[in-house]
Amino acid sequence: MKVEYRGQVFEFDRKMRVKDLLEKLNLSPESTIVVRGDEILTEEEWLEEEDQVKVVSAISGGM
């Protein structure tokens, strides 16, 4: 699978859950969103070898 994050492309050659991908990239599921096409994925969803996904940092603001 191809994973785009902050302008970099990472490739993985096996299927894994979204939470495993975030762990491999050392990212917190609370502060990132994984998108496949136009679908936001949950931590428990499986990513297949042929998938192309984007990892987006979720930023929230306060007062």
N, C-alpha and C. Protein backbone atom coordinates (compact mmCIF):
# COMPACT_ATOMS: atom_id res chain seq x y z
N MET A 1 0.84 -1.17 0.00
CA MET A 1 0.00 0.00 0.00
C MET A 1 0.88 1.24 0.00
N LYS A 2 0.36 2.29 -0.54
CA LYS A 2 1.06 3.57 -0.54
C LYS A 2 0.37 4.49 0.45
N VAL A 3 1.18 5.11 1.29
CA VAL A 3 0.67 5.99 2.32
C VAL A 3 1.35 7.35 2.16
N GLU A 4 0.55 8.39 2.00
CA GLU A 4 1.08 9.74 1.90
C GLU A 4 0.89 10.45 3.22
N TYR A 5 1.98 11.03 3.73
CA TYR A 5 1.92 11.78 4.98
C TYR A 5 2.92 12.91 4.92
N ARG A 6 2.43 14.13 5.03
CA ARG A 6 3.26 15.34 5.02
C ARG A 6 4.23 15.38 3.84
N GLY A 7 3.73 15.06 2.65
CA GLY A 7 4.54 15.14 1.45
C GLY A 7 5.45 13.95 1.21
N GLN A 8 5.50 13.01 2.13
CA GLN A 8 6.32 11.81 1.96
C GLN A 8 5.42 10.65 1.61
N VAL A 9 5.97 9.68 0.87
CA VAL A 9 5.22 8.48 0.52
C VAL A 9 5.91 7.28 1.16
N PHE A 10 5.14 6.51 1.89
CA PHE A 10 5.63 5.29 2.53
C PHE A 10 4.94 4.11 1.85
N GLU A 11 5.66 3.00 1.69
CA GLU A 11 5.08 1.82 1.07
C GLU A 11 5.18 0.63 2.02
N PHE A 12 4.09 -0.13 2.09
CA PHE A 12 4.03 -1.33 2.91
C PHE A 12 3.52 -2.46 2.03
N ASP A 13 4.05 -3.67 2.24
CA ASP A 13 3.71 -4.78 1.35
C ASP A 13 2.83 -5.84 2.02
N ARG A 14 2.07 -5.43 3.03
CA ARG A 14 1.13 -6.37 3.64
C ARG A 14 -0.09 -5.61 4.14
N LYS A 15 -1.20 -6.34 4.30
CA LYS A 15 -2.40 -5.69 4.82
C LYS A 15 -2.26 -5.51 6.32
N MET A 16 -2.89 -4.46 6.83
CA MET A 16 -2.84 -4.17 8.26
C MET A 16 -4.01 -3.29 8.63
N ARG A 17 -4.29 -3.21 9.89
CA ARG A 17 -5.34 -2.32 10.36
C ARG A 17 -4.81 -0.88 10.40
N VAL A 18 -5.72 0.05 10.38
CA VAL A 18 -5.36 1.47 10.43
C VAL A 18 -4.54 1.74 11.69
N LYS A 19 -4.94 1.17 12.83
CA LYS A 19 -4.21 1.42 14.07
C LYS A 19 -2.76 0.90 13.98
N ASP A 20 -2.53 -0.20 13.25
CA ASP A 20 -1.17 -0.72 13.07
C ASP A 20 -0.34 0.22 12.21
N LEU A 21 -0.97 0.78 11.18
CA LEU A 21 -0.27 1.74 10.32
C LEU A 21 0.16 2.95 11.14
N LEU A 22 -0.74 3.48 11.94
CA LEU A 22 -0.41 4.66 12.75
C LEU A 22 0.71 4.34 13.74
N GLU A 23 0.70 3.14 14.29
CA GLU A 23 1.76 2.73 15.21
C GLU A 23 3.10 2.67 14.48
N LYS A 24 3.11 2.12 13.27
CA LYS A 24 4.35 2.03 12.49
C LYS A 24 4.91 3.42 12.16
N LEU A 25 4.00 4.38 11.94
CA LEU A 25 4.43 5.74 11.63
C LEU A 25 4.64 6.58 12.89
N ASN A 26 4.45 5.94 14.05
CA ASN A 26 4.62 6.61 15.35
C ASN A 26 3.69 7.82 15.49
N LEU A 27 2.43 7.60 15.09
CA LEU A 27 1.43 8.67 15.14
C LEU A 27 0.31 8.28 16.09
N SER A 28 -0.28 9.28 16.70
CA SER A 28 -1.39 9.07 17.63
C SER A 28 -2.71 9.03 16.88
N PRO A 29 -3.56 8.03 17.15
CA PRO A 29 -4.87 8.00 16.50
C PRO A 29 -5.77 9.16 16.92
N GLU A 30 -5.48 9.79 18.04
CA GLU A 30 -6.27 10.92 18.49
C GLU A 30 -5.97 12.20 17.71
N SER A 31 -4.82 12.25 17.06
CA SER A 31 -4.44 13.48 16.36
C SER A 31 -4.26 13.31 14.86
N THR A 32 -4.66 12.15 14.32
CA THR A 32 -4.52 11.93 12.88
C THR A 32 -5.79 11.28 12.32
N ILE A 33 -5.99 11.51 11.03
CA ILE A 33 -7.10 10.93 10.29
C ILE A 33 -6.51 10.19 9.10
N VAL A 34 -7.01 8.99 8.85
CA VAL A 34 -6.57 8.22 7.68
C VAL A 34 -7.72 8.20 6.68
N VAL A 35 -7.41 8.57 5.43
CA VAL A 35 -8.42 8.71 4.39
C VAL A 35 -8.07 7.82 3.21
N ARG A 36 -9.07 7.05 2.74
CA ARG A 36 -8.92 6.24 1.52
C ARG A 36 -9.98 6.75 0.55
N GLY A 37 -9.52 7.37 -0.54
CA GLY A 37 -10.46 8.02 -1.46
C GLY A 37 -11.10 9.19 -0.75
N ASP A 38 -12.42 9.14 -0.59
CA ASP A 38 -13.11 10.20 0.15
C ASP A 38 -13.71 9.66 1.45
N GLU A 39 -13.20 8.51 1.90
CA GLU A 39 -13.72 7.84 3.10
C GLU A 39 -12.74 7.97 4.27
N ILE A 40 -13.23 8.46 5.39
CA ILE A 40 -12.42 8.52 6.62
C ILE A 40 -12.51 7.15 7.28
N LEU A 41 -11.36 6.58 7.61
CA LEU A 41 -11.31 5.23 8.15
C LEU A 41 -11.20 5.23 9.68
N THR A 42 -11.75 4.19 10.28
CA THR A 42 -11.61 4.01 11.72
C THR A 42 -10.35 3.21 12.00
N GLU A 43 -9.93 3.19 13.25
CA GLU A 43 -8.72 2.46 13.65
C GLU A 43 -8.80 0.97 13.38
N GLU A 44 -10.00 0.41 13.40
CA GLU A 44 -10.17 -1.04 13.26
C GLU A 44 -10.30 -1.51 11.81
N GLU A 45 -10.41 -0.59 10.87
CA GLU A 45 -10.57 -0.99 9.47
C GLU A 45 -9.26 -1.51 8.89
N TRP A 46 -9.41 -2.45 7.95
CA TRP A 46 -8.24 -3.06 7.31
C TRP A 46 -7.83 -2.29 6.08
N LEU A 47 -6.53 -2.16 5.91
CA LEU A 47 -5.94 -1.58 4.70
C LEU A 47 -5.37 -2.74 3.89
N GLU A 48 -5.65 -2.75 2.61
CA GLU A 48 -5.16 -3.81 1.73
C GLU A 48 -3.87 -3.36 1.04
N GLU A 49 -3.14 -4.34 0.51
CA GLU A 49 -1.85 -4.04 -0.14
C GLU A 49 -1.98 -3.06 -1.29
N GLU A 50 -3.12 -3.08 -2.00
CA GLU A 50 -3.29 -2.22 -3.17
C GLU A 50 -3.87 -0.84 -2.82
N ASP A 51 -4.16 -0.59 -1.55
CA ASP A 51 -4.75 0.69 -1.14
C ASP A 51 -3.77 1.85 -1.27
N GLN A 52 -4.34 3.01 -1.51
CA GLN A 52 -3.61 4.27 -1.45
C GLN A 52 -4.35 5.15 -0.46
N VAL A 53 -3.64 5.55 0.59
CA VAL A 53 -4.29 6.33 1.65
C VAL A 53 -3.47 7.58 1.96
N LYS A 54 -4.15 8.53 2.58
CA LYS A 54 -3.49 9.75 3.07
C LYS A 54 -3.68 9.81 4.56
N VAL A 55 -2.64 10.22 5.26
CA VAL A 55 -2.70 10.44 6.69
C VAL A 55 -2.65 11.95 6.90
N VAL A 56 -3.66 12.46 7.59
CA VAL A 56 -3.79 13.91 7.77
C VAL A 56 -3.76 14.22 9.25
N SER A 57 -2.98 15.23 9.61
CA SER A 57 -2.96 15.68 11.00
C SER A 57 -4.24 16.44 11.30
N ALA A 58 -4.90 16.05 12.38
CA ALA A 58 -6.12 16.74 12.82
C ALA A 58 -5.71 17.81 13.82
N ILE A 59 -6.00 19.03 13.48
CA ILE A 59 -5.59 20.15 14.33
C ILE A 59 -6.85 20.81 14.87
N SER A 60 -6.89 21.01 16.16
CA SER A 60 -8.02 21.72 16.73
C SER A 60 -7.50 22.96 17.45
N GLY A 61 -8.29 23.97 17.41
CA GLY A 61 -7.90 25.21 18.06
C GLY A 61 -8.70 25.48 19.31
N GLY A 62 -8.22 26.37 20.08
CA GLY A 62 -8.93 26.74 21.31
C GLY A 62 -8.89 28.23 21.49
N MET A 63 -9.31 28.62 22.63
CA MET A 63 -9.33 30.06 22.90
C MET A 63 -8.05 30.52 23.51
